[in-house]
Amino acid sequence: KTASLAISNIISPYLLDLSENGSIDDAISYDNTIRSGIYIYKGI
């Protein structure tokens, strides 16, 4: 439960930011924080 609270507190703001950018692809383009976590992009 403690770990779930900690993870949720980190992830949920990023999810809100994704939608503010229009789409996940837009967020990856504009947001370096989101982009830093991507290791496979559309199969690449």
PDB file of all heavy atoms in Angstrom:
ATOM      1  N   LYS A   1       0.835  -1.209   0.000  1.00  0.00           N
ATOM      2  CA  LYS A   1       0.000   0.000   0.000  1.00  0.00           C
ATOM      3  C   LYS A   1       0.870   1.258   0.000  1.00  0.00           C
ATOM      4  O   LYS A   1       0.603   2.200  -0.758  1.00  0.00           O
ATOM      5  CB  LYS A   1      -0.937   0.017   1.204  1.00  0.00           C
ATOM      6  CG  LYS A   1      -1.930   1.183   1.151  1.00  0.00           C
ATOM      7  CD  LYS A   1      -3.100   1.005   2.097  1.00  0.00           C
ATOM      8  CE  LYS A   1      -4.131   2.105   1.885  1.00  0.00           C
ATOM      9  NZ  LYS A   1      -5.343   1.906   2.708  1.00  0.00           N
ATOM     10  N   THR A   2       1.895   1.288   0.839  1.00  0.00           N
ATOM     11  CA  THR A   2       2.801   2.439   0.852  1.00  0.00           C
ATOM     12  C   THR A   2       3.458   2.616  -0.519  1.00  0.00           C
ATOM     13  O   THR A   2       3.525   3.728  -1.053  1.00  0.00           O
ATOM     14  CB  THR A   2       3.892   2.250   1.921  1.00  0.00           C
ATOM     15  OG1 THR A   2       3.282   2.217   3.210  1.00  0.00           O
ATOM     16  CG2 THR A   2       4.896   3.397   1.890  1.00  0.00           C
ATOM     17  N   ALA A   3       3.926   1.510  -1.098  1.00  0.00           N
ATOM     18  CA  ALA A   3       4.578   1.574  -2.406  1.00  0.00           C
ATOM     19  C   ALA A   3       3.596   2.004  -3.491  1.00  0.00           C
ATOM     20  O   ALA A   3       3.952   2.779  -4.386  1.00  0.00           O
ATOM     21  CB  ALA A   3       5.187   0.221  -2.751  1.00  0.00           C
ATOM     22  N   SER A   4       2.364   1.516  -3.415  1.00  0.00           N
ATOM     23  CA  SER A   4       1.343   1.904  -4.403  1.00  0.00           C
ATOM     24  C   SER A   4       1.045   3.396  -4.319  1.00  0.00           C
ATOM     25  O   SER A   4       0.886   4.066  -5.351  1.00  0.00           O
ATOM     26  CB  SER A   4       0.057   1.097  -4.187  1.00  0.00           C
ATOM     27  OG  SER A   4       0.282  -0.272  -4.410  1.00  0.00           O
ATOM     28  N   LEU A   5       0.962   3.920  -3.118  1.00  0.00           N
ATOM     29  CA  LEU A   5       0.743   5.357  -2.938  1.00  0.00           C
ATOM     30  C   LEU A   5       1.891   6.163  -3.544  1.00  0.00           C
ATOM     31  O   LEU A   5       1.664   7.166  -4.231  1.00  0.00           O
ATOM     32  CB  LEU A   5       0.606   5.683  -1.446  1.00  0.00           C
ATOM     33  CG  LEU A   5      -0.732   5.360  -0.793  1.00  0.00           C
ATOM     34  CD1 LEU A   5      -0.594   5.332   0.731  1.00  0.00           C
ATOM     35  CD2 LEU A   5      -1.789   6.384  -1.197  1.00  0.00           C
ATOM     36  N   ALA A   6       3.113   5.710  -3.296  1.00  0.00           N
ATOM     37  CA  ALA A   6       4.287   6.421  -3.825  1.00  0.00           C
ATOM     38  C   ALA A   6       4.304   6.390  -5.349  1.00  0.00           C
ATOM     39  O   ALA A   6       4.545   7.414  -5.999  1.00  0.00           O
ATOM     40  CB  ALA A   6       5.569   5.797  -3.264  1.00  0.00           C
ATOM     41  N   ILE A   7       4.036   5.208  -5.948  1.00  0.00           N
ATOM     42  CA  ILE A   7       4.030   5.075  -7.407  1.00  0.00           C
ATOM     43  C   ILE A   7       2.923   5.913  -8.016  1.00  0.00           C
ATOM     44  O   ILE A   7       3.120   6.621  -9.012  1.00  0.00           O
ATOM     45  CB  ILE A   7       3.874   3.595  -7.809  1.00  0.00           C
ATOM     46  CG1 ILE A   7       5.096   2.795  -7.371  1.00  0.00           C
ATOM     47  CG2 ILE A   7       3.670   3.457  -9.315  1.00  0.00           C
ATOM     48  CD1 ILE A   7       4.928   1.295  -7.511  1.00  0.00           C
ATOM     49  N   SER A   8       1.750   5.850  -7.415  1.00  0.00           N
ATOM     50  CA  SER A   8       0.594   6.601  -7.924  1.00  0.00           C
ATOM     51  C   SER A   8       0.846   8.107  -7.902  1.00  0.00           C
ATOM     52  O   SER A   8       0.487   8.831  -8.832  1.00  0.00           O
ATOM     53  CB  SER A   8      -0.649   6.269  -7.094  1.00  0.00           C
ATOM     54  OG  SER A   8      -1.791   6.905  -7.606  1.00  0.00           O
ATOM     55  N   ASN A   9       1.484   8.580  -6.843  1.00  0.00           N
ATOM     56  CA  ASN A   9       1.793  10.013  -6.726  1.00  0.00           C
ATOM     57  C   ASN A   9       2.746  10.478  -7.827  1.00  0.00           C
ATOM     58  O   ASN A   9       2.725  11.648  -8.213  1.00  0.00           O
ATOM     59  CB  ASN A   9       2.412  10.316  -5.360  1.00  0.00           C
ATOM     60  CG  ASN A   9       1.407  10.230  -4.235  1.00  0.00           C
ATOM     61  OD1 ASN A   9       0.197  10.284  -4.474  1.00  0.00           O
ATOM     62  ND2 ASN A   9       1.878  10.085  -3.010  1.00  0.00           N
ATOM     63  N   ILE A  10       3.582   9.567  -8.293  1.00  0.00           N
ATOM     64  CA  ILE A  10       4.536   9.907  -9.356  1.00  0.00           C
ATOM     65  C   ILE A  10       3.883   9.826 -10.738  1.00  0.00           C
ATOM     66  O   ILE A  10       4.027  10.712 -11.570  1.00  0.00           O
ATOM     67  CB  ILE A  10       5.759   8.968  -9.298  1.00  0.00           C
ATOM     68  CG1 ILE A  10       6.552   9.217  -8.013  1.00  0.00           C
ATOM     69  CG2 ILE A  10       6.668   9.167 -10.509  1.00  0.00           C
ATOM     70  CD1 ILE A  10       7.542   8.122  -7.692  1.00  0.00           C
ATOM     71  N   ILE A  11       3.124   8.745 -10.968  1.00  0.00           N
ATOM     72  CA  ILE A  11       2.588   8.486 -12.306  1.00  0.00           C
ATOM     73  C   ILE A  11       1.416   9.391 -12.677  1.00  0.00           C
ATOM     74  O   ILE A  11       1.339   9.892 -13.805  1.00  0.00           O
ATOM     75  CB  ILE A  11       2.167   7.005 -12.423  1.00  0.00           C
ATOM     76  CG1 ILE A  11       3.388   6.099 -12.291  1.00  0.00           C
ATOM     77  CG2 ILE A  11       1.466   6.742 -13.752  1.00  0.00           C
ATOM     78  CD1 ILE A  11       3.046   4.640 -12.220  1.00  0.00           C
ATOM     79  N   SER A  12       0.483   9.609 -11.741  1.00  0.00           N
ATOM     80  CA  SER A  12      -0.744  10.337 -12.092  1.00  0.00           C
ATOM     81  C   SER A  12      -0.500  11.744 -12.634  1.00  0.00           C
ATOM     82  O   SER A  12      -1.158  12.143 -13.611  1.00  0.00           O
ATOM     83  CB  SER A  12      -1.718  10.362 -10.904  1.00  0.00           C
ATOM     84  OG  SER A  12      -1.093  10.799  -9.718  1.00  0.00           O
ATOM     85  N   PRO A  13       0.441  12.540 -12.084  1.00  0.00           N
ATOM     86  CA  PRO A  13       0.689  13.858 -12.692  1.00  0.00           C
ATOM     87  C   PRO A  13       1.210  13.762 -14.128  1.00  0.00           C
ATOM     88  O   PRO A  13       0.863  14.589 -14.971  1.00  0.00           O
ATOM     89  CB  PRO A  13       1.751  14.481 -11.772  1.00  0.00           C
ATOM     90  CG  PRO A  13       1.600  13.783 -10.472  1.00  0.00           C
ATOM     91  CD  PRO A  13       1.216  12.385 -10.836  1.00  0.00           C
ATOM     92  N   TYR A  14       2.037  12.724 -14.406  1.00  0.00           N
ATOM     93  CA  TYR A  14       2.529  12.543 -15.769  1.00  0.00           C
ATOM     94  C   TYR A  14       1.383  12.204 -16.726  1.00  0.00           C
ATOM     95  O   TYR A  14       1.358  12.657 -17.871  1.00  0.00           O
ATOM     96  CB  TYR A  14       3.593  11.446 -15.818  1.00  0.00           C
ATOM     97  CG  TYR A  14       4.898  11.827 -15.165  1.00  0.00           C
ATOM     98  CD1 TYR A  14       5.572  10.957 -14.334  1.00  0.00           C
ATOM     99  CD2 TYR A  14       5.478  13.078 -15.378  1.00  0.00           C
ATOM    100  CE1 TYR A  14       6.775  11.306 -13.721  1.00  0.00           C
ATOM    101  CE2 TYR A  14       6.675  13.440 -14.780  1.00  0.00           C
ATOM    102  CZ  TYR A  14       7.313  12.548 -13.951  1.00  0.00           C
ATOM    103  OH  TYR A  14       8.508  12.904 -13.354  1.00  0.00           O
ATOM    104  N   LEU A  15       0.426  11.395 -16.262  1.00  0.00           N
ATOM    105  CA  LEU A  15      -0.717  11.045 -17.101  1.00  0.00           C
ATOM    106  C   LEU A  15      -1.558  12.278 -17.428  1.00  0.00           C
ATOM    107  O   LEU A  15      -2.032  12.437 -18.561  1.00  0.00           O
ATOM    108  CB  LEU A  15      -1.585   9.990 -16.404  1.00  0.00           C
ATOM    109  CG  LEU A  15      -0.940   8.607 -16.239  1.00  0.00           C
ATOM    110  CD1 LEU A  15      -1.818   7.708 -15.381  1.00  0.00           C
ATOM    111  CD2 LEU A  15      -0.687   7.957 -17.599  1.00  0.00           C
ATOM    112  N   LEU A  16      -1.722  13.149 -16.458  1.00  0.00           N
ATOM    113  CA  LEU A  16      -2.451  14.395 -16.707  1.00  0.00           C
ATOM    114  C   LEU A  16      -1.699  15.278 -17.705  1.00  0.00           C
ATOM    115  O   LEU A  16      -2.308  15.905 -18.582  1.00  0.00           O
ATOM    116  CB  LEU A  16      -2.676  15.150 -15.398  1.00  0.00           C
ATOM    117  CG  LEU A  16      -3.681  14.527 -14.429  1.00  0.00           C
ATOM    118  CD1 LEU A  16      -3.676  15.273 -13.105  1.00  0.00           C
ATOM    119  CD2 LEU A  16      -5.087  14.533 -15.022  1.00  0.00           C
ATOM    120  N   ASP A  17      -0.381  15.308 -17.582  1.00  0.00           N
ATOM    121  CA  ASP A  17       0.437  16.091 -18.515  1.00  0.00           C
ATOM    122  C   ASP A  17       0.327  15.549 -19.937  1.00  0.00           C
ATOM    123  O   ASP A  17       0.333  16.310 -20.905  1.00  0.00           O
ATOM    124  CB  ASP A  17       1.905  16.092 -18.081  1.00  0.00           C
ATOM    125  CG  ASP A  17       2.145  16.958 -16.848  1.00  0.00           C
ATOM    126  OD1 ASP A  17       1.273  17.788 -16.533  1.00  0.00           O
ATOM    127  OD2 ASP A  17       3.202  16.801 -16.212  1.00  0.00           O
ATOM    128  N   LEU A  18       0.237  14.224 -20.064  1.00  0.00           N
ATOM    129  CA  LEU A  18       0.112  13.618 -21.391  1.00  0.00           C
ATOM    130  C   LEU A  18      -1.109  14.151 -22.117  1.00  0.00           C
ATOM    131  O   LEU A  18      -1.047  14.511 -23.296  1.00  0.00           O
ATOM    132  CB  LEU A  18       0.004  12.090 -21.270  1.00  0.00           C
ATOM    133  CG  LEU A  18       1.252  11.311 -20.854  1.00  0.00           C
ATOM    134  CD1 LEU A  18       0.916   9.840 -20.729  1.00  0.00           C
ATOM    135  CD2 LEU A  18       2.373  11.497 -21.847  1.00  0.00           C
ATOM    136  N   SER A  19      -2.227  14.208 -21.427  1.00  0.00           N
ATOM    137  CA  SER A  19      -3.465  14.653 -22.053  1.00  0.00           C
ATOM    138  C   SER A  19      -3.432  16.142 -22.371  1.00  0.00           C
ATOM    139  O   SER A  19      -4.016  16.597 -23.349  1.00  0.00           O
ATOM    140  CB  SER A  19      -4.662  14.340 -21.145  1.00  0.00           C
ATOM    141  OG  SER A  19      -4.548  15.035 -19.914  1.00  0.00           O
ATOM    142  N   GLU A  20      -2.745  16.907 -21.548  1.00  0.00           N
ATOM    143  CA  GLU A  20      -2.651  18.352 -21.784  1.00  0.00           C
ATOM    144  C   GLU A  20      -1.906  18.650 -23.084  1.00  0.00           C
ATOM    145  O   GLU A  20      -2.143  19.672 -23.719  1.00  0.00           O
ATOM    146  CB  GLU A  20      -1.933  19.033 -20.608  1.00  0.00           C
ATOM    147  CG  GLU A  20      -2.720  19.063 -19.307  1.00  0.00           C
ATOM    148  CD  GLU A  20      -3.994  19.879 -19.403  1.00  0.00           C
ATOM    149  OE1 GLU A  20      -4.022  20.840 -20.195  1.00  0.00           O
ATOM    150  OE2 GLU A  20      -4.966  19.545 -18.702  1.00  0.00           O
ATOM    151  N   ASN A  21      -1.005  17.759 -23.479  1.00  0.00           N
ATOM    152  CA  ASN A  21      -0.239  17.948 -24.706  1.00  0.00           C
ATOM    153  C   ASN A  21      -0.988  17.487 -25.950  1.00  0.00           C
ATOM    154  O   ASN A  21      -0.487  17.598 -27.060  1.00  0.00           O
ATOM    155  CB  ASN A  21       1.101  17.211 -24.612  1.00  0.00           C
ATOM    156  CG  ASN A  21       2.132  17.989 -23.815  1.00  0.00           C
ATOM    157  OD1 ASN A  21       2.390  19.141 -24.099  1.00  0.00           O
ATOM    158  ND2 ASN A  21       2.685  17.359 -22.796  1.00  0.00           N
ATOM    159  N   GLY A  22      -2.195  16.954 -25.770  1.00  0.00           N
ATOM    160  CA  GLY A  22      -3.002  16.522 -26.901  1.00  0.00           C
ATOM    161  C   GLY A  22      -2.989  15.024 -27.094  1.00  0.00           C
ATOM    162  O   GLY A  22      -4.013  14.397 -27.253  1.00  0.00           O
ATOM    163  N   SER A  23      -1.825  14.410 -27.087  1.00  0.00           N
ATOM    164  CA  SER A  23      -1.687  12.965 -27.238  1.00  0.00           C
ATOM    165  C   SER A  23      -0.350  12.550 -26.645  1.00  0.00           C
ATOM    166  O   SER A  23       0.496  13.393 -26.342  1.00  0.00           O
ATOM    167  CB  SER A  23      -1.756  12.561 -28.713  1.00  0.00           C
ATOM    168  OG  SER A  23      -0.580  12.993 -29.390  1.00  0.00           O
ATOM    169  N   ILE A  24      -0.166  11.245 -26.512  1.00  0.00           N
ATOM    170  CA  ILE A  24       1.108  10.759 -25.964  1.00  0.00           C
ATOM    171  C   ILE A  24       2.257  11.098 -26.909  1.00  0.00           C
ATOM    172  O   ILE A  24       3.343  11.491 -26.478  1.00  0.00           O
ATOM    173  CB  ILE A  24       1.044   9.241 -25.708  1.00  0.00           C
ATOM    174  CG1 ILE A  24      -0.026   8.926 -24.655  1.00  0.00           C
ATOM    175  CG2 ILE A  24       2.400   8.709 -25.252  1.00  0.00           C
ATOM    176  CD1 ILE A  24      -0.196   7.474 -24.341  1.00  0.00           C
ATOM    177  N   ASP A  25       2.020  10.968 -28.206  1.00  0.00           N
ATOM    178  CA  ASP A  25       3.068  11.298 -29.169  1.00  0.00           C
ATOM    179  C   ASP A  25       3.476  12.768 -29.073  1.00  0.00           C
ATOM    180  O   ASP A  25       4.662  13.104 -29.169  1.00  0.00           O
ATOM    181  CB  ASP A  25       2.588  10.988 -30.592  1.00  0.00           C
ATOM    182  CG  ASP A  25       2.534   9.488 -30.864  1.00  0.00           C
ATOM    183  OD1 ASP A  25       3.246   8.747 -30.158  1.00  0.00           O
ATOM    184  OD2 ASP A  25       1.778   9.069 -31.752  1.00  0.00           O
ATOM    185  N   ASP A  26       2.486  13.666 -28.877  1.00  0.00           N
ATOM    186  CA  ASP A  26       2.797  15.084 -28.704  1.00  0.00           C
ATOM    187  C   ASP A  26       3.619  15.297 -27.434  1.00  0.00           C
ATOM    188  O   ASP A  26       4.577  16.072 -27.413  1.00  0.00           O
ATOM    189  CB  ASP A  26       1.510  15.915 -28.633  1.00  0.00           C
ATOM    190  CG  ASP A  26       0.783  15.957 -29.968  1.00  0.00           C
ATOM    191  OD1 ASP A  26       1.473  15.948 -31.008  1.00  0.00           O
ATOM    192  OD2 ASP A  26      -0.454  15.981 -29.981  1.00  0.00           O
ATOM    193  N   ALA A  27       3.228  14.583 -26.358  1.00  0.00           N
ATOM    194  CA  ALA A  27       3.945  14.716 -25.087  1.00  0.00           C
ATOM    195  C   ALA A  27       5.385  14.242 -25.217  1.00  0.00           C
ATOM    196  O   ALA A  27       6.307  14.853 -24.673  1.00  0.00           O
ATOM    197  CB  ALA A  27       3.225  13.923 -23.995  1.00  0.00           C
ATOM    198  N   ILE A  28       5.593  13.150 -25.956  1.00  0.00           N
ATOM    199  CA  ILE A  28       6.947  12.638 -26.160  1.00  0.00           C
ATOM    200  C   ILE A  28       7.792  13.668 -26.918  1.00  0.00           C
ATOM    201  O   ILE A  28       8.975  13.850 -26.644  1.00  0.00           O
ATOM    202  CB  ILE A  28       6.908  11.294 -26.923  1.00  0.00           C
ATOM    203  CG1 ILE A  28       6.252  10.213 -26.046  1.00  0.00           C
ATOM    204  CG2 ILE A  28       8.317  10.848 -27.325  1.00  0.00           C
ATOM    205  CD1 ILE A  28       5.942   8.927 -26.791  1.00  0.00           C
ATOM    206  N   SER A  29       7.157  14.374 -27.838  1.00  0.00           N
ATOM    207  CA  SER A  29       7.871  15.388 -28.627  1.00  0.00           C
ATOM    208  C   SER A  29       8.243  16.609 -27.796  1.00  0.00           C
ATOM    209  O   SER A  29       9.336  17.166 -27.943  1.00  0.00           O
ATOM    210  CB  SER A  29       7.007  15.823 -29.812  1.00  0.00           C
ATOM    211  OG  SER A  29       6.767  14.739 -30.684  1.00  0.00           O
ATOM    212  N   TYR A  30       7.320  17.040 -26.909  1.00  0.00           N
ATOM    213  CA  TYR A  30       7.515  18.297 -26.184  1.00  0.00           C
ATOM    214  C   TYR A  30       8.143  18.129 -24.799  1.00  0.00           C
ATOM    215  O   TYR A  30       8.805  19.040 -24.305  1.00  0.00           O
ATOM    216  CB  TYR A  30       6.171  19.015 -26.017  1.00  0.00           C
ATOM    217  CG  TYR A  30       5.560  19.479 -27.312  1.00  0.00           C
ATOM    218  CD1 TYR A  30       4.330  18.997 -27.742  1.00  0.00           C
ATOM    219  CD2 TYR A  30       6.222  20.410 -28.116  1.00  0.00           C
ATOM    220  CE1 TYR A  30       3.766  19.420 -28.931  1.00  0.00           C
ATOM    221  CE2 TYR A  30       5.657  20.833 -29.305  1.00  0.00           C
ATOM    222  CZ  TYR A  30       4.430  20.339 -29.706  1.00  0.00           C
ATOM    223  OH  TYR A  30       3.886  20.766 -30.877  1.00  0.00           O
ATOM    224  N   ASP A  31       7.917  16.984 -24.163  1.00  0.00           N
ATOM    225  CA  ASP A  31       8.283  16.829 -22.758  1.00  0.00           C
ATOM    226  C   ASP A  31       9.503  15.910 -22.617  1.00  0.00           C
ATOM    227  O   ASP A  31       9.411  14.704 -22.846  1.00  0.00           O
ATOM    228  CB  ASP A  31       7.083  16.252 -21.975  1.00  0.00           C
ATOM    229  CG  ASP A  31       7.273  16.317 -20.474  1.00  0.00           C
ATOM    230  OD1 ASP A  31       8.422  16.265 -20.009  1.00  0.00           O
ATOM    231  OD2 ASP A  31       6.260  16.416 -19.753  1.00  0.00           O
ATOM    232  N   ASN A  32      10.626  16.469 -22.215  1.00  0.00           N
ATOM    233  CA  ASN A  32      11.848  15.679 -22.058  1.00  0.00           C
ATOM    234  C   ASN A  32      11.722  14.624 -20.970  1.00  0.00           C
ATOM    235  O   ASN A  32      12.363  13.574 -21.027  1.00  0.00           O
ATOM    236  CB  ASN A  32      13.040  16.590 -21.758  1.00  0.00           C
ATOM    237  CG  ASN A  32      13.450  17.424 -22.959  1.00  0.00           C
ATOM    238  OD1 ASN A  32      13.279  16.994 -24.096  1.00  0.00           O
ATOM    239  ND2 ASN A  32      13.978  18.606 -22.718  1.00  0.00           N
ATOM    240  N   THR A  33      10.910  14.918 -19.933  1.00  0.00           N
ATOM    241  CA  THR A  33      10.729  13.966 -18.838  1.00  0.00           C
ATOM    242  C   THR A  33      10.054  12.700 -19.332  1.00  0.00           C
ATOM    243  O   THR A  33      10.492  11.585 -19.034  1.00  0.00           O
ATOM    244  CB  THR A  33       9.911  14.603 -17.702  1.00  0.00           C
ATOM    245  OG1 THR A  33      10.608  15.745 -17.202  1.00  0.00           O
ATOM    246  CG2 THR A  33       9.695  13.616 -16.564  1.00  0.00           C
ATOM    247  N   ILE A  34       8.970  12.863 -20.089  1.00  0.00           N
ATOM    248  CA  ILE A  34       8.273  11.705 -20.645  1.00  0.00           C
ATOM    249  C   ILE A  34       9.182  10.974 -21.628  1.00  0.00           C
ATOM    250  O   ILE A  34       9.291   9.748 -21.614  1.00  0.00           O
ATOM    251  CB  ILE A  34       6.979  12.143 -21.361  1.00  0.00           C
ATOM    252  CG1 ILE A  34       6.009  12.821 -20.371  1.00  0.00           C
ATOM    253  CG2 ILE A  34       6.308  10.949 -22.036  1.00  0.00           C
ATOM    254  CD1 ILE A  34       5.522  11.934 -19.258  1.00  0.00           C
ATOM    255  N   ARG A  35       9.869  11.725 -22.470  1.00  0.00           N
ATOM    256  CA  ARG A  35      10.732  11.125 -23.492  1.00  0.00           C
ATOM    257  C   ARG A  35      11.847  10.290 -22.860  1.00  0.00           C
ATOM    258  O   ARG A  35      12.256   9.265 -23.402  1.00  0.00           O
ATOM    259  CB  ARG A  35      11.339  12.219 -24.361  1.00  0.00           C
ATOM    260  CG  ARG A  35      11.960  11.695 -25.659  1.00  0.00           C
ATOM    261  CD  ARG A  35      12.690  12.787 -26.420  1.00  0.00           C
ATOM    262  NE  ARG A  35      11.897  13.994 -26.553  1.00  0.00           N
ATOM    263  CZ  ARG A  35      12.344  15.136 -27.015  1.00  0.00           C
ATOM    264  NH1 ARG A  35      13.619  15.242 -27.382  1.00  0.00           N
ATOM    265  NH2 ARG A  35      11.556  16.192 -27.119  1.00  0.00           N
ATOM    266  N   SER A  36      12.348  10.725 -21.694  1.00  0.00           N
ATOM    267  CA  SER A  36      13.453  10.012 -21.052  1.00  0.00           C
ATOM    268  C   SER A  36      13.073   8.593 -20.641  1.00  0.00           C
ATOM    269  O   SER A  36      13.935   7.726 -20.501  1.00  0.00           O
ATOM    270  CB  SER A  36      13.930  10.789 -19.819  1.00  0.00           C
ATOM    271  OG  SER A  36      12.919  10.803 -18.804  1.00  0.00           O
ATOM    272  N   GLY A  37      11.774   8.347 -20.449  1.00  0.00           N
ATOM    273  CA  GLY A  37      11.330   7.028 -20.030  1.00  0.00           C
ATOM    274  C   GLY A  37      11.048   6.062 -21.170  1.00  0.00           C
ATOM    275  O   GLY A  37      10.889   4.863 -20.956  1.00  0.00           O
ATOM    276  N   ILE A  38      10.997   6.571 -22.404  1.00  0.00           N
ATOM    277  CA  ILE A  38      10.660   5.730 -23.558  1.00  0.00           C
ATOM    278  C   ILE A  38      11.862   4.881 -23.976  1.00  0.00           C
ATOM    279  O   ILE A  38      12.953   5.398 -24.201  1.00  0.00           O
ATOM    280  CB  ILE A  38      10.211   6.590 -24.762  1.00  0.00           C
ATOM    281  CG1 ILE A  38       9.002   7.465 -24.373  1.00  0.00           C
ATOM    282  CG2 ILE A  38       9.883   5.710 -25.961  1.00  0.00           C
ATOM    283  CD1 ILE A  38       7.751   6.702 -24.045  1.00  0.00           C
ATOM    284  N   TYR A  39      11.663   3.572 -24.083  1.00  0.00           N
ATOM    285  CA  TYR A  39      12.746   2.709 -24.565  1.00  0.00           C
ATOM    286  C   TYR A  39      12.383   2.000 -25.872  1.00  0.00           C
ATOM    287  O   TYR A  39      13.252   1.528 -26.599  1.00  0.00           O
ATOM    288  CB  TYR A  39      13.201   1.708 -23.496  1.00  0.00           C
ATOM    289  CG  TYR A  39      12.152   0.724 -23.024  1.00  0.00           C
ATOM    290  CD1 TYR A  39      12.067  -0.551 -23.569  1.00  0.00           C
ATOM    291  CD2 TYR A  39      11.275   1.048 -21.989  1.00  0.00           C
ATOM    292  CE1 TYR A  39      11.129  -1.462 -23.128  1.00  0.00           C
ATOM    293  CE2 TYR A  39      10.336   0.145 -21.537  1.00  0.00           C
ATOM    294  CZ  TYR A  39      10.253  -1.106 -22.106  1.00  0.00           C
ATOM    295  OH  TYR A  39       9.320  -2.008 -21.659  1.00  0.00           O
ATOM    296  N   ILE A  40      11.098   1.916 -26.170  1.00  0.00           N
ATOM    297  CA  ILE A  40      10.664   1.463 -27.492  1.00  0.00           C
ATOM    298  C   ILE A  40       9.615   2.441 -27.991  1.00  0.00           C
ATOM    299  O   ILE A  40       8.633   2.733 -27.288  1.00  0.00           O
ATOM    300  CB  ILE A  40      10.092   0.031 -27.458  1.00  0.00           C
ATOM    301  CG1 ILE A  40      11.203  -0.978 -27.166  1.00  0.00           C
ATOM    302  CG2 ILE A  40       9.401  -0.312 -28.777  1.00  0.00           C
ATOM    303  CD1 ILE A  40      10.745  -2.430 -27.143  1.00  0.00           C
ATOM    304  N   TYR A  41       9.824   2.984 -29.188  1.00  0.00           N
ATOM    305  CA  TYR A  41       8.889   3.964 -29.758  1.00  0.00           C
ATOM    306  C   TYR A  41       8.317   3.410 -31.056  1.00  0.00           C
ATOM    307  O   TYR A  41       9.029   3.243 -32.045  1.00  0.00           O
ATOM    308  CB  TYR A  41       9.603   5.293 -30.020  1.00  0.00           C
ATOM    309  CG  TYR A  41       8.699   6.375 -30.579  1.00  0.00           C
ATOM    310  CD1 TYR A  41       7.703   6.938 -29.790  1.00  0.00           C
ATOM    311  CD2 TYR A  41       8.835   6.811 -31.897  1.00  0.00           C
ATOM    312  CE1 TYR A  41       6.870   7.925 -30.297  1.00  0.00           C
ATOM    313  CE2 TYR A  41       8.005   7.799 -32.405  1.00  0.00           C
ATOM    314  CZ  TYR A  41       7.017   8.348 -31.599  1.00  0.00           C
ATOM    315  OH  TYR A  41       6.182   9.325 -32.107  1.00  0.00           O
ATOM    316  N   LYS A  42       7.027   3.045 -31.013  1.00  0.00           N
ATOM    317  CA  LYS A  42       6.322   2.487 -32.171  1.00  0.00           C
ATOM    318  C   LYS A  42       7.084   1.305 -32.782  1.00  0.00           C
ATOM    319  O   LYS A  42       7.224   1.180 -33.999  1.00  0.00           O
ATOM    320  CB  LYS A  42       6.078   3.576 -33.206  1.00  0.00           C
ATOM    321  CG  LYS A  42       5.161   4.692 -32.688  1.00  0.00           C
ATOM    322  CD  LYS A  42       4.836   5.716 -33.738  1.00  0.00           C
ATOM    323  CE  LYS A  42       3.887   6.760 -33.173  1.00  0.00           C
ATOM    324  NZ  LYS A  42       3.522   7.808 -34.163  1.00  0.00           N
ATOM    325  N   GLY A  43       7.598   0.464 -31.895  1.00  0.00           N
ATOM    326  CA  GLY A  43       8.291  -0.742 -32.331  1.00  0.00           C
ATOM    327  C   GLY A  43       9.768  -0.575 -32.589  1.00  0.00           C
ATOM    328  O   GLY A  43      10.456  -1.551 -32.884  1.00  0.00           O
ATOM    329  N   ILE A  44      10.283   0.645 -32.453  1.00  0.00           N
ATOM    330  CA  ILE A  44      11.705   0.900 -32.689  1.00  0.00           C
ATOM    331  C   ILE A  44      12.416   1.057 -31.345  1.00  0.00           C
ATOM    332  O   ILE A  44      12.016   1.881 -30.526  1.00  0.00           O
ATOM    333  CB  ILE A  44      11.905   2.176 -33.533  1.00  0.00           C
ATOM    334  CG1 ILE A  44      11.185   2.049 -34.885  1.00  0.00           C
ATOM    335  CG2 ILE A  44      13.392   2.447 -33.753  1.00  0.00           C
ATOM    336  CD1 ILE A  44      11.147   3.336 -35.678  1.00  0.00           C
TER     337      ILE A  44
END
